[in-house]
Amino acid sequence: MKPTAAIQNPLTLTDDIRQLHAWRMPDMITYQHGADEWWLTPLDDALPLVRLNRAGLELLTAMDGHMTVGELLDRFGKWVCGPEGQNGCWHLERWSLPHYSLCYYGTEPPTGGHRLNIKWDLLLQQIREGWSGRKGFEGGEQLVQFHTRDISQHEGHFDTIETTVSHLFREPSDALQGLTYGRVLAKHLRQLGWWTTKPRTLIEVGGGLGYVSREIAAE
């Protein structure tokens, strides 16, 4: 069941808000749909799809932590940034709210503390949870539990949820001349000269269940 986001009034761009810096959130996918139309797809399926024109895309891109809300308002506020006539001011009043969660306004980016707490998506979840009144959004503790326990207990997780090429070819396959993805990867890395000096230690980031590392080590 998707979390239900409450409807909140637009943010009032007071002098205090105008002095804050703006960072765009990275948990989204942007793709061009037409000559002057982009779709913004947050990776949270409870959030709305957003359509932008070129000015809107430039507004979002300008949220790099260097520009203040006031500077963005002066630069884009009066220009039409959406295909349905929404101007830049309209977007600046809404994008930082949990219903959109496309950007963050603050004096500094969210950093520090436990390594999981610096993740932008966790910041978003904290904002959405506090705003909607709904508890139980995924946070740092839940992520730790998921990766240390839940994945291993739920058989077929990577077959139905996080399917990757490396997982699909974790066993020897005729499509790979009887090899696994890890073996093929290791062979190509050797051809590129990666193993000229035999490494003592390899670190795989985001290793999942470790099939690739195991096969590379075997190769």
N, C-alpha and C. Protein backbone atom coordinates (compact mmCIF):
# COMPACT_ATOMS: atom_id res chain seq x y z
N MET A 1 0.84 -1.19 0.00
CA MET A 1 0.00 0.00 0.00
C MET A 1 0.87 1.24 0.00
N LYS A 2 0.63 2.13 -0.91
CA LYS A 2 1.44 3.34 -0.99
C LYS A 2 1.10 4.29 0.14
N PRO A 3 2.13 5.01 0.70
CA PRO A 3 1.83 6.02 1.69
C PRO A 3 1.05 7.15 1.07
N THR A 4 0.11 7.69 1.81
CA THR A 4 -0.70 8.78 1.32
C THR A 4 -0.11 10.10 1.77
N ALA A 5 0.25 10.95 0.82
CA ALA A 5 0.83 12.25 1.15
C ALA A 5 -0.27 13.28 1.27
N ALA A 6 -0.24 14.02 2.35
CA ALA A 6 -1.22 15.06 2.55
C ALA A 6 -0.92 16.22 1.61
N ILE A 7 -1.92 17.02 1.34
CA ILE A 7 -1.74 18.19 0.49
C ILE A 7 -1.37 19.37 1.38
N GLN A 8 -0.29 20.00 1.07
CA GLN A 8 0.21 21.11 1.88
C GLN A 8 0.16 22.39 1.07
N ASN A 9 -0.09 23.48 1.76
CA ASN A 9 -0.10 24.77 1.10
C ASN A 9 1.28 25.09 0.55
N PRO A 10 1.37 25.84 -0.54
CA PRO A 10 2.67 26.23 -1.10
C PRO A 10 3.54 26.94 -0.06
N LEU A 11 4.84 26.76 -0.20
CA LEU A 11 5.78 27.41 0.70
C LEU A 11 5.81 28.91 0.43
N THR A 12 5.76 29.71 1.49
CA THR A 12 5.87 31.15 1.34
C THR A 12 7.34 31.53 1.25
N LEU A 13 7.74 32.14 0.16
CA LEU A 13 9.16 32.47 -0.06
C LEU A 13 9.49 33.77 0.66
N THR A 14 9.60 33.67 1.99
CA THR A 14 9.95 34.81 2.82
C THR A 14 11.42 35.16 2.63
N ASP A 15 11.85 36.26 3.22
CA ASP A 15 13.26 36.67 3.13
C ASP A 15 14.17 35.59 3.70
N ASP A 16 13.75 34.94 4.79
CA ASP A 16 14.56 33.87 5.39
C ASP A 16 14.70 32.70 4.43
N ILE A 17 13.62 32.33 3.78
CA ILE A 17 13.67 31.22 2.82
C ILE A 17 14.54 31.60 1.63
N ARG A 18 14.42 32.83 1.17
CA ARG A 18 15.18 33.29 0.01
C ARG A 18 16.68 33.21 0.24
N GLN A 19 17.12 33.31 1.48
CA GLN A 19 18.55 33.28 1.79
C GLN A 19 19.11 31.86 1.85
N LEU A 20 18.24 30.86 1.88
CA LEU A 20 18.70 29.48 1.96
C LEU A 20 19.23 29.02 0.60
N HIS A 21 20.13 28.06 0.64
CA HIS A 21 20.65 27.48 -0.59
C HIS A 21 19.78 26.30 -1.00
N ALA A 22 19.79 26.00 -2.28
CA ALA A 22 18.93 24.94 -2.82
C ALA A 22 19.77 23.83 -3.43
N TRP A 23 19.45 22.61 -3.05
CA TRP A 23 20.09 21.42 -3.62
C TRP A 23 19.00 20.56 -4.24
N ARG A 24 19.22 20.09 -5.44
CA ARG A 24 18.25 19.16 -6.04
C ARG A 24 18.51 17.76 -5.47
N MET A 25 17.46 17.02 -5.32
CA MET A 25 17.56 15.67 -4.80
C MET A 25 18.00 14.71 -5.91
N PRO A 26 18.82 13.74 -5.58
CA PRO A 26 19.31 12.83 -6.63
C PRO A 26 18.42 11.62 -6.85
N ASP A 27 17.39 11.40 -6.01
CA ASP A 27 16.61 10.17 -6.17
C ASP A 27 15.51 10.35 -7.19
N MET A 28 15.93 10.64 -8.41
CA MET A 28 14.97 10.88 -9.48
C MET A 28 15.62 10.54 -10.83
N ILE A 29 14.79 10.33 -11.82
CA ILE A 29 15.27 10.09 -13.18
C ILE A 29 14.62 11.13 -14.08
N THR A 30 15.41 11.79 -14.91
CA THR A 30 14.90 12.78 -15.85
C THR A 30 15.14 12.29 -17.27
N TYR A 31 14.10 12.30 -18.07
CA TYR A 31 14.30 11.91 -19.47
C TYR A 31 13.49 12.82 -20.38
N GLN A 32 14.02 13.03 -21.58
CA GLN A 32 13.39 13.93 -22.53
C GLN A 32 12.31 13.17 -23.30
N HIS A 33 11.10 13.74 -23.26
CA HIS A 33 9.97 13.10 -23.92
C HIS A 33 9.68 13.72 -25.27
N GLY A 34 9.99 15.01 -25.42
CA GLY A 34 9.74 15.70 -26.68
C GLY A 34 10.75 16.80 -26.89
N ALA A 35 10.54 17.59 -27.92
CA ALA A 35 11.51 18.64 -28.25
C ALA A 35 11.68 19.63 -27.11
N ASP A 36 10.61 19.91 -26.37
CA ASP A 36 10.69 20.87 -25.27
C ASP A 36 9.91 20.33 -24.08
N GLU A 37 10.08 19.05 -23.81
CA GLU A 37 9.33 18.43 -22.72
C GLU A 37 10.18 17.36 -22.05
N TRP A 38 10.34 17.48 -20.75
CA TRP A 38 11.07 16.50 -19.95
C TRP A 38 10.15 15.96 -18.87
N TRP A 39 10.29 14.69 -18.57
CA TRP A 39 9.56 14.08 -17.47
C TRP A 39 10.54 13.82 -16.33
N LEU A 40 10.13 14.18 -15.14
CA LEU A 40 10.94 13.98 -13.95
C LEU A 40 10.29 12.88 -13.14
N THR A 41 11.01 11.80 -12.93
CA THR A 41 10.45 10.62 -12.29
C THR A 41 11.17 10.34 -10.98
N PRO A 42 10.60 10.73 -9.84
CA PRO A 42 11.22 10.38 -8.56
C PRO A 42 11.24 8.86 -8.40
N LEU A 43 12.24 8.35 -7.71
CA LEU A 43 12.35 6.90 -7.51
C LEU A 43 11.46 6.42 -6.37
N ASP A 44 10.62 7.27 -5.85
CA ASP A 44 9.61 6.91 -4.88
C ASP A 44 8.28 6.91 -5.61
N ASP A 45 7.65 5.74 -5.76
CA ASP A 45 6.45 5.67 -6.58
C ASP A 45 5.23 6.31 -5.93
N ALA A 46 5.40 6.81 -4.69
CA ALA A 46 4.30 7.51 -4.05
C ALA A 46 4.29 9.00 -4.42
N LEU A 47 5.31 9.45 -5.12
CA LEU A 47 5.42 10.86 -5.48
C LEU A 47 4.96 11.06 -6.93
N PRO A 48 4.51 12.27 -7.25
CA PRO A 48 3.96 12.50 -8.59
C PRO A 48 5.03 12.63 -9.66
N LEU A 49 4.67 12.28 -10.88
CA LEU A 49 5.52 12.60 -12.02
C LEU A 49 5.42 14.10 -12.29
N VAL A 50 6.51 14.69 -12.73
CA VAL A 50 6.54 16.13 -12.97
C VAL A 50 6.99 16.36 -14.41
N ARG A 51 6.28 17.23 -15.12
CA ARG A 51 6.66 17.59 -16.48
C ARG A 51 7.32 18.96 -16.46
N LEU A 52 8.42 19.09 -17.21
CA LEU A 52 9.18 20.34 -17.28
C LEU A 52 9.44 20.70 -18.73
N ASN A 53 9.55 22.00 -18.99
CA ASN A 53 10.09 22.43 -20.27
C ASN A 53 11.57 22.76 -20.06
N ARG A 54 12.21 23.34 -21.05
CA ARG A 54 13.65 23.58 -20.94
C ARG A 54 14.00 24.53 -19.80
N ALA A 55 13.17 25.56 -19.59
CA ALA A 55 13.42 26.49 -18.50
C ALA A 55 13.29 25.79 -17.15
N GLY A 56 12.32 24.90 -17.04
CA GLY A 56 12.15 24.16 -15.79
C GLY A 56 13.33 23.24 -15.52
N LEU A 57 13.83 22.61 -16.58
CA LEU A 57 15.00 21.75 -16.42
C LEU A 57 16.22 22.56 -15.99
N GLU A 58 16.37 23.75 -16.57
CA GLU A 58 17.48 24.63 -16.17
C GLU A 58 17.33 25.07 -14.71
N LEU A 59 16.09 25.32 -14.29
CA LEU A 59 15.86 25.68 -12.89
C LEU A 59 16.29 24.55 -11.97
N LEU A 60 15.91 23.34 -12.29
CA LEU A 60 16.29 22.20 -11.47
C LEU A 60 17.80 22.00 -11.47
N THR A 61 18.41 22.14 -12.63
CA THR A 61 19.86 21.95 -12.74
C THR A 61 20.61 23.01 -11.95
N ALA A 62 20.05 24.21 -11.86
CA ALA A 62 20.70 25.31 -11.15
C ALA A 62 20.70 25.10 -9.64
N MET A 63 19.93 24.14 -9.15
CA MET A 63 19.89 23.86 -7.71
C MET A 63 21.09 23.00 -7.35
N ASP A 64 22.25 23.62 -7.32
CA ASP A 64 23.50 22.89 -7.12
C ASP A 64 24.15 23.18 -5.77
N GLY A 65 23.42 23.83 -4.87
CA GLY A 65 23.96 24.16 -3.57
C GLY A 65 24.67 25.50 -3.52
N HIS A 66 24.95 26.08 -4.68
CA HIS A 66 25.60 27.39 -4.73
C HIS A 66 24.56 28.51 -4.86
N MET A 67 23.47 28.21 -5.53
CA MET A 67 22.44 29.22 -5.76
C MET A 67 21.49 29.27 -4.57
N THR A 68 21.13 30.48 -4.14
CA THR A 68 20.12 30.63 -3.10
C THR A 68 18.74 30.60 -3.73
N VAL A 69 17.74 30.41 -2.87
CA VAL A 69 16.36 30.43 -3.36
C VAL A 69 16.04 31.78 -3.97
N GLY A 70 16.55 32.86 -3.35
CA GLY A 70 16.31 34.20 -3.88
C GLY A 70 16.92 34.39 -5.25
N GLU A 71 18.14 33.90 -5.44
CA GLU A 71 18.79 34.01 -6.75
C GLU A 71 18.02 33.22 -7.81
N LEU A 72 17.54 32.05 -7.43
CA LEU A 72 16.75 31.25 -8.37
C LEU A 72 15.44 31.94 -8.70
N LEU A 73 14.84 32.55 -7.69
CA LEU A 73 13.58 33.26 -7.91
C LEU A 73 13.78 34.44 -8.86
N ASP A 74 14.87 35.19 -8.65
CA ASP A 74 15.14 36.32 -9.53
C ASP A 74 15.42 35.87 -10.96
N ARG A 75 16.07 34.73 -11.09
CA ARG A 75 16.48 34.27 -12.42
C ARG A 75 15.36 33.55 -13.17
N PHE A 76 14.57 32.74 -12.44
CA PHE A 76 13.57 31.89 -13.11
C PHE A 76 12.14 32.20 -12.71
N GLY A 77 11.95 33.04 -11.71
CA GLY A 77 10.63 33.20 -11.12
C GLY A 77 9.52 33.53 -12.10
N LYS A 78 9.77 34.41 -13.04
CA LYS A 78 8.70 34.85 -13.95
C LYS A 78 8.59 34.01 -15.21
N TRP A 79 9.58 33.15 -15.45
CA TRP A 79 9.57 32.38 -16.70
C TRP A 79 8.70 31.13 -16.56
N VAL A 80 8.06 30.77 -17.64
CA VAL A 80 7.25 29.56 -17.66
C VAL A 80 8.19 28.36 -17.65
N CYS A 81 8.02 27.49 -16.65
CA CYS A 81 8.93 26.36 -16.48
C CYS A 81 8.23 25.01 -16.64
N GLY A 82 6.93 25.04 -16.83
CA GLY A 82 6.19 23.80 -17.01
C GLY A 82 5.29 23.88 -18.22
N PRO A 83 5.00 22.77 -18.86
CA PRO A 83 4.17 22.76 -20.06
C PRO A 83 2.76 23.30 -19.84
N GLU A 84 2.33 23.33 -18.59
CA GLU A 84 0.98 23.80 -18.30
C GLU A 84 0.98 25.23 -17.77
N GLY A 85 2.06 25.94 -17.99
CA GLY A 85 2.10 27.36 -17.66
C GLY A 85 2.62 27.71 -16.29
N GLN A 86 3.04 26.74 -15.49
CA GLN A 86 3.57 27.05 -14.16
C GLN A 86 4.90 27.77 -14.32
N ASN A 87 5.04 28.88 -13.61
CA ASN A 87 6.31 29.61 -13.70
C ASN A 87 7.30 29.13 -12.65
N GLY A 88 8.49 29.69 -12.69
CA GLY A 88 9.52 29.26 -11.77
C GLY A 88 9.16 29.49 -10.32
N CYS A 89 8.47 30.59 -10.03
CA CYS A 89 8.03 30.86 -8.67
C CYS A 89 7.12 29.76 -8.17
N TRP A 90 6.21 29.31 -9.02
CA TRP A 90 5.29 28.22 -8.66
C TRP A 90 6.06 26.98 -8.23
N HIS A 91 7.10 26.64 -9.00
CA HIS A 91 7.89 25.45 -8.68
C HIS A 91 8.70 25.65 -7.40
N LEU A 92 9.30 26.81 -7.23
CA LEU A 92 10.10 27.06 -6.04
C LEU A 92 9.26 27.00 -4.77
N GLU A 93 8.00 27.31 -4.88
CA GLU A 93 7.10 27.27 -3.73
C GLU A 93 6.68 25.85 -3.38
N ARG A 94 6.91 24.90 -4.26
CA ARG A 94 6.39 23.54 -4.05
C ARG A 94 7.45 22.45 -4.07
N TRP A 95 8.50 22.60 -4.82
CA TRP A 95 9.43 21.50 -5.03
C TRP A 95 10.10 21.00 -3.76
N SER A 96 10.27 21.84 -2.76
CA SER A 96 10.93 21.40 -1.53
C SER A 96 9.96 20.74 -0.56
N LEU A 97 8.69 20.70 -0.90
CA LEU A 97 7.70 20.09 -0.02
C LEU A 97 7.67 18.58 -0.24
N PRO A 98 7.28 17.83 0.78
CA PRO A 98 7.32 16.36 0.67
C PRO A 98 6.50 15.78 -0.46
N HIS A 99 5.44 16.44 -0.88
CA HIS A 99 4.63 15.89 -1.96
C HIS A 99 5.42 15.82 -3.27
N TYR A 100 6.42 16.68 -3.40
CA TYR A 100 7.31 16.67 -4.57
C TYR A 100 8.70 16.15 -4.20
N SER A 101 9.29 16.74 -3.16
CA SER A 101 10.61 16.32 -2.68
C SER A 101 11.66 16.31 -3.79
N LEU A 102 11.67 17.37 -4.58
CA LEU A 102 12.64 17.46 -5.66
C LEU A 102 13.88 18.23 -5.27
N CYS A 103 13.79 18.99 -4.20
CA CYS A 103 14.94 19.78 -3.79
C CYS A 103 14.90 20.01 -2.29
N TYR A 104 15.99 20.53 -1.78
CA TYR A 104 16.14 20.78 -0.35
C TYR A 104 16.65 22.20 -0.16
N TYR A 105 16.02 22.94 0.72
CA TYR A 105 16.46 24.29 1.04
C TYR A 105 17.10 24.27 2.43
N GLY A 106 18.29 24.81 2.54
CA GLY A 106 18.95 24.84 3.84
C GLY A 106 20.19 25.71 3.82
N THR A 107 20.80 25.86 4.98
CA THR A 107 22.04 26.62 5.07
C THR A 107 23.23 25.78 4.64
N GLU A 108 23.09 24.46 4.70
CA GLU A 108 24.16 23.55 4.28
C GLU A 108 23.52 22.22 3.91
N PRO A 109 24.20 21.42 3.10
CA PRO A 109 23.62 20.13 2.71
C PRO A 109 23.54 19.18 3.90
N PRO A 110 22.65 18.22 3.85
CA PRO A 110 22.54 17.26 4.96
C PRO A 110 23.72 16.31 4.98
N THR A 111 24.59 16.46 5.94
CA THR A 111 25.76 15.59 6.08
C THR A 111 26.03 15.36 7.55
N GLY A 112 26.96 14.45 7.81
CA GLY A 112 27.39 14.21 9.19
C GLY A 112 26.64 13.07 9.83
N GLY A 113 27.10 12.69 11.02
CA GLY A 113 26.47 11.61 11.75
C GLY A 113 26.82 10.26 11.17
N HIS A 114 25.95 9.29 11.44
CA HIS A 114 26.16 7.95 10.93
C HIS A 114 26.19 7.96 9.41
N ARG A 115 26.99 7.09 8.83
CA ARG A 115 27.19 7.14 7.38
C ARG A 115 25.89 6.99 6.62
N LEU A 116 24.91 6.28 7.17
CA LEU A 116 23.65 6.13 6.47
C LEU A 116 22.82 7.41 6.51
N ASN A 117 23.07 8.25 7.50
CA ASN A 117 22.25 9.44 7.65
C ASN A 117 22.59 10.52 6.64
N ILE A 118 23.70 10.35 5.91
CA ILE A 118 24.04 11.38 4.94
C ILE A 118 23.35 11.12 3.59
N LYS A 119 22.63 10.01 3.51
CA LYS A 119 21.98 9.69 2.26
C LYS A 119 20.79 10.60 2.04
N TRP A 120 20.70 11.14 0.85
CA TRP A 120 19.63 12.06 0.53
C TRP A 120 18.27 11.39 0.67
N ASP A 121 18.17 10.14 0.28
CA ASP A 121 16.86 9.50 0.34
C ASP A 121 16.37 9.37 1.77
N LEU A 122 17.29 9.21 2.71
CA LEU A 122 16.87 9.14 4.11
C LEU A 122 16.39 10.50 4.59
N LEU A 123 17.04 11.55 4.13
CA LEU A 123 16.57 12.88 4.46
C LEU A 123 15.15 13.07 3.94
N LEU A 124 14.92 12.65 2.70
CA LEU A 124 13.59 12.75 2.13
C LEU A 124 12.57 11.98 2.95
N GLN A 125 12.94 10.77 3.35
CA GLN A 125 12.01 9.96 4.10
C GLN A 125 11.67 10.60 5.45
N GLN A 126 12.67 11.22 6.08
CA GLN A 126 12.41 11.90 7.34
C GLN A 126 11.46 13.07 7.13
N ILE A 127 11.66 13.80 6.01
CA ILE A 127 10.78 14.93 5.71
C ILE A 127 9.36 14.42 5.46
N ARG A 128 9.24 13.39 4.63
CA ARG A 128 7.93 12.89 4.27
C ARG A 128 7.21 12.30 5.48
N GLU A 129 7.96 11.58 6.31
CA GLU A 129 7.35 10.96 7.48
C GLU A 129 6.82 12.02 8.43
N GLY A 130 7.64 13.03 8.71
CA GLY A 130 7.20 14.07 9.62
C GLY A 130 6.06 14.90 9.07
N TRP A 131 6.02 15.01 7.76
CA TRP A 131 5.02 15.86 7.13
C TRP A 131 3.68 15.15 6.98
N SER A 132 3.71 13.88 6.60
CA SER A 132 2.48 13.15 6.35
C SER A 132 1.89 12.58 7.64
N GLY A 133 2.72 12.49 8.70
CA GLY A 133 2.24 11.90 9.94
C GLY A 133 2.26 10.39 9.92
N ARG A 134 2.76 9.81 8.85
CA ARG A 134 2.81 8.36 8.73
C ARG A 134 4.18 7.86 9.15
N LYS A 135 4.21 6.91 10.07
CA LYS A 135 5.46 6.33 10.52
C LYS A 135 5.77 5.08 9.70
N GLY A 136 7.03 4.68 9.75
CA GLY A 136 7.40 3.45 9.11
C GLY A 136 8.03 3.60 7.75
N PHE A 137 8.35 4.82 7.33
CA PHE A 137 9.12 4.99 6.09
C PHE A 137 10.51 4.39 6.31
N GLU A 138 11.08 3.89 5.25
CA GLU A 138 12.38 3.25 5.36
C GLU A 138 13.43 4.25 5.80
N GLY A 139 14.22 3.89 6.82
CA GLY A 139 15.28 4.75 7.31
C GLY A 139 16.56 3.97 7.47
N GLY A 140 17.55 4.54 8.13
CA GLY A 140 18.85 3.92 8.28
C GLY A 140 18.77 2.56 8.95
N GLU A 141 18.01 2.48 10.04
CA GLU A 141 17.91 1.21 10.76
C GLU A 141 17.26 0.14 9.91
N GLN A 142 16.19 0.53 9.19
CA GLN A 142 15.52 -0.44 8.35
C GLN A 142 16.42 -0.92 7.22
N LEU A 143 17.24 -0.01 6.66
CA LEU A 143 18.16 -0.40 5.60
C LEU A 143 19.17 -1.42 6.09
N VAL A 144 19.70 -1.19 7.28
CA VAL A 144 20.67 -2.13 7.85
C VAL A 144 20.03 -3.49 8.03
N GLN A 145 18.83 -3.53 8.62
CA GLN A 145 18.14 -4.79 8.83
C GLN A 145 17.86 -5.49 7.50
N PHE A 146 17.46 -4.70 6.49
CA PHE A 146 17.14 -5.28 5.20
C PHE A 146 18.34 -5.96 4.57
N HIS A 147 19.49 -5.27 4.60
CA HIS A 147 20.66 -5.81 3.91
C HIS A 147 21.37 -6.90 4.71
N THR A 148 21.18 -6.96 6.01
CA THR A 148 21.85 -7.99 6.81
C THR A 148 20.96 -9.19 7.08
N ARG A 149 19.65 -9.04 6.91
CA ARG A 149 18.76 -10.14 7.27
C ARG A 149 17.70 -10.43 6.22
N ASP A 150 16.96 -9.43 5.81
CA ASP A 150 15.77 -9.70 5.00
C ASP A 150 16.10 -10.28 3.63
N ILE A 151 17.18 -9.77 2.97
CA ILE A 151 17.51 -10.29 1.65
C ILE A 151 17.80 -11.79 1.70
N SER A 152 18.57 -12.21 2.72
CA SER A 152 18.94 -13.61 2.81
C SER A 152 17.76 -14.50 3.20
N GLN A 153 16.75 -13.94 3.88
CA GLN A 153 15.61 -14.74 4.32
C GLN A 153 14.53 -14.87 3.27
N HIS A 154 14.48 -13.93 2.33
CA HIS A 154 13.44 -13.96 1.32
C HIS A 154 14.00 -14.57 0.03
N GLU A 155 13.71 -15.83 -0.17
CA GLU A 155 14.22 -16.53 -1.35
C GLU A 155 13.64 -15.91 -2.62
N GLY A 156 14.51 -15.70 -3.60
CA GLY A 156 14.06 -15.15 -4.86
C GLY A 156 14.04 -13.64 -4.92
N HIS A 157 14.59 -12.97 -3.90
CA HIS A 157 14.57 -11.51 -3.88
C HIS A 157 15.21 -10.93 -5.14
N PHE A 158 16.38 -11.43 -5.48
CA PHE A 158 17.08 -10.88 -6.64
C PHE A 158 16.51 -11.39 -7.96
N ASP A 159 15.67 -12.40 -7.90
CA ASP A 159 15.04 -12.88 -9.13
C ASP A 159 13.80 -12.07 -9.48
N THR A 160 13.16 -11.49 -8.47
CA THR A 160 11.90 -10.80 -8.72
C THR A 160 11.94 -9.31 -8.45
N ILE A 161 12.91 -8.82 -7.67
CA ILE A 161 12.93 -7.42 -7.28
C ILE A 161 14.15 -6.70 -7.81
N GLU A 162 15.33 -7.20 -7.52
CA GLU A 162 16.56 -6.53 -7.92
C GLU A 162 17.31 -7.37 -8.95
N THR A 163 16.64 -7.74 -10.01
CA THR A 163 17.26 -8.60 -11.02
C THR A 163 18.32 -7.82 -11.80
N THR A 164 19.50 -8.38 -11.89
CA THR A 164 20.60 -7.77 -12.64
C THR A 164 21.17 -8.81 -13.60
N VAL A 165 21.94 -8.34 -14.56
CA VAL A 165 22.58 -9.26 -15.50
C VAL A 165 23.52 -10.21 -14.76
N SER A 166 24.27 -9.67 -13.81
CA SER A 166 25.22 -10.52 -13.08
C SER A 166 24.49 -11.61 -12.30
N HIS A 167 23.30 -11.28 -11.79
CA HIS A 167 22.55 -12.30 -11.04
C HIS A 167 21.93 -13.33 -11.98
N LEU A 168 21.43 -12.88 -13.12
CA LEU A 168 20.83 -13.80 -14.07
C LEU A 168 21.85 -14.82 -14.57
N PHE A 169 23.12 -14.40 -14.68
CA PHE A 169 24.18 -15.28 -15.16
C PHE A 169 25.13 -15.68 -14.04
N ARG A 170 24.57 -15.87 -12.84
CA ARG A 170 25.40 -16.28 -11.70
C ARG A 170 25.84 -17.75 -11.81
N GLU A 171 25.10 -18.52 -12.60
CA GLU A 171 25.46 -19.92 -12.86
C GLU A 171 26.00 -20.02 -14.28
N PRO A 172 26.80 -21.04 -14.57
CA PRO A 172 27.32 -21.20 -15.94
C PRO A 172 26.19 -21.20 -16.96
N SER A 173 26.41 -20.48 -18.07
CA SER A 173 25.36 -20.34 -19.08
C SER A 173 25.91 -20.58 -20.46
N ASP A 174 25.10 -21.22 -21.30
CA ASP A 174 25.51 -21.44 -22.68
C ASP A 174 25.71 -20.11 -23.41
N ALA A 175 24.94 -19.08 -23.00
CA ALA A 175 25.07 -17.77 -23.64
C ALA A 175 26.43 -17.15 -23.40
N LEU A 176 27.11 -17.61 -22.34
CA LEU A 176 28.44 -17.10 -22.01
C LEU A 176 29.49 -18.21 -22.18
N GLN A 177 29.26 -19.08 -23.15
CA GLN A 177 30.19 -20.18 -23.44
C GLN A 177 30.45 -21.04 -22.20
N GLY A 178 29.40 -21.28 -21.44
CA GLY A 178 29.52 -22.16 -20.29
C GLY A 178 30.13 -21.51 -19.06
N LEU A 179 30.29 -20.21 -19.08
CA LEU A 179 30.89 -19.49 -17.95
C LEU A 179 29.84 -18.70 -17.20
N THR A 180 30.23 -18.21 -16.02
CA THR A 180 29.37 -17.31 -15.27
C THR A 180 29.73 -15.87 -15.62
N TYR A 181 28.88 -14.96 -15.22
CA TYR A 181 29.15 -13.54 -15.45
C TYR A 181 30.46 -13.14 -14.78
N GLY A 182 30.68 -13.62 -13.56
CA GLY A 182 31.91 -13.26 -12.85
C GLY A 182 33.15 -13.76 -13.55
N ARG A 183 33.09 -14.98 -14.08
CA ARG A 183 34.25 -15.54 -14.80
C ARG A 183 34.54 -14.72 -16.07
N VAL A 184 33.48 -14.39 -16.82
CA VAL A 184 33.66 -13.60 -18.04
C VAL A 184 34.23 -12.23 -17.71
N LEU A 185 33.72 -11.61 -16.66
CA LEU A 185 34.23 -10.30 -16.25
C LEU A 185 35.70 -10.39 -15.89
N ALA A 186 36.07 -11.41 -15.14
CA ALA A 186 37.47 -11.56 -14.74
C ALA A 186 38.38 -11.78 -15.94
N LYS A 187 37.92 -12.56 -16.91
CA LYS A 187 38.73 -12.82 -18.11
C LYS A 187 38.97 -11.53 -18.88
N HIS A 188 37.93 -10.70 -19.03
CA HIS A 188 38.09 -9.45 -19.76
C HIS A 188 38.97 -8.47 -18.99
N LEU A 189 38.88 -8.46 -17.68
CA LEU A 189 39.75 -7.60 -16.89
C LEU A 189 41.20 -8.03 -17.03
N ARG A 190 41.41 -9.35 -17.14
CA ARG A 190 42.78 -9.84 -17.34
C ARG A 190 43.31 -9.38 -18.70
N GLN A 191 42.45 -9.43 -19.72
CA GLN A 191 42.87 -8.99 -21.05
C GLN A 191 43.21 -7.50 -21.07
N LEU A 192 42.56 -6.73 -20.19
CA LEU A 192 42.86 -5.30 -20.08
C LEU A 192 44.09 -5.02 -19.23
N GLY A 193 44.69 -6.08 -18.68
CA GLY A 193 45.91 -5.92 -17.91
C GLY A 193 45.72 -5.65 -16.43
N TRP A 194 44.50 -5.86 -15.94
CA TRP A 194 44.23 -5.58 -14.53
C TRP A 194 44.97 -6.53 -13.60
N TRP A 195 45.24 -7.74 -14.08
CA TRP A 195 45.86 -8.73 -13.19
C TRP A 195 47.34 -8.91 -13.49
N THR A 196 47.96 -7.93 -14.17
CA THR A 196 49.39 -8.05 -14.47
C THR A 196 50.18 -8.28 -13.20
N THR A 197 49.85 -7.52 -12.18
CA THR A 197 50.35 -7.79 -10.83
C THR A 197 49.19 -8.39 -10.05
N LYS A 198 49.33 -9.63 -9.63
CA LYS A 198 48.23 -10.33 -8.99
C LYS A 198 47.81 -9.59 -7.72
N PRO A 199 46.53 -9.18 -7.65
CA PRO A 199 46.08 -8.44 -6.46
C PRO A 199 45.95 -9.35 -5.25
N ARG A 200 46.20 -8.78 -4.09
CA ARG A 200 46.03 -9.53 -2.84
C ARG A 200 44.62 -9.36 -2.29
N THR A 201 44.00 -8.21 -2.60
CA THR A 201 42.67 -7.91 -2.05
C THR A 201 41.80 -7.29 -3.11
N LEU A 202 40.55 -7.73 -3.19
CA LEU A 202 39.55 -7.15 -4.07
C LEU A 202 38.36 -6.72 -3.23
N ILE A 203 37.81 -5.56 -3.53
CA ILE A 203 36.63 -5.08 -2.83
C ILE A 203 35.52 -4.84 -3.85
N GLU A 204 34.40 -5.49 -3.66
CA GLU A 204 33.25 -5.29 -4.52
C GLU A 204 32.24 -4.43 -3.76
N VAL A 205 31.89 -3.29 -4.32
CA VAL A 205 30.93 -2.39 -3.69
C VAL A 205 29.52 -2.76 -4.16
N GLY A 206 28.60 -2.89 -3.21
CA GLY A 206 27.24 -3.29 -3.57
C GLY A 206 27.22 -4.71 -4.08
N GLY A 207 27.86 -5.62 -3.38
CA GLY A 207 28.07 -6.98 -3.86
C GLY A 207 26.85 -7.89 -3.82
N GLY A 208 25.75 -7.43 -3.21
CA GLY A 208 24.58 -8.30 -3.14
C GLY A 208 24.91 -9.57 -2.39
N LEU A 209 24.68 -10.72 -3.02
CA LEU A 209 24.95 -12.01 -2.39
C LEU A 209 26.36 -12.52 -2.68
N GLY A 210 27.16 -11.75 -3.40
CA GLY A 210 28.57 -12.08 -3.55
C GLY A 210 28.92 -13.03 -4.68
N TYR A 211 28.00 -13.30 -5.60
CA TYR A 211 28.30 -14.24 -6.67
C TYR A 211 29.44 -13.76 -7.55
N VAL A 212 29.45 -12.46 -7.89
CA VAL A 212 30.48 -11.94 -8.79
C VAL A 212 31.86 -12.04 -8.13
N SER A 213 31.96 -11.62 -6.88
CA SER A 213 33.25 -11.70 -6.17
C SER A 213 33.75 -13.13 -6.09
N ARG A 214 32.85 -14.03 -5.80
CA ARG A 214 33.24 -15.44 -5.69
C ARG A 214 33.81 -15.96 -7.00
N GLU A 215 33.14 -15.63 -8.10
CA GLU A 215 33.59 -16.12 -9.41
C GLU A 215 34.87 -15.43 -9.88
N ILE A 216 35.00 -14.15 -9.58
CA ILE A 216 36.25 -13.46 -9.90
C ILE A 216 37.41 -14.10 -9.14
N ALA A 217 37.19 -14.37 -7.87
CA ALA A 217 38.24 -15.00 -7.07
C ALA A 217 38.60 -16.38 -7.62
N ALA A 218 37.59 -17.12 -8.06
CA ALA A 218 37.85 -18.45 -8.61
C ALA A 218 38.63 -18.36 -9.92
N GLU A 219 38.31 -17.34 -10.71
CA GLU A 219 39.00 -17.16 -11.99
C GLU A 219 40.44 -16.77 -11.78
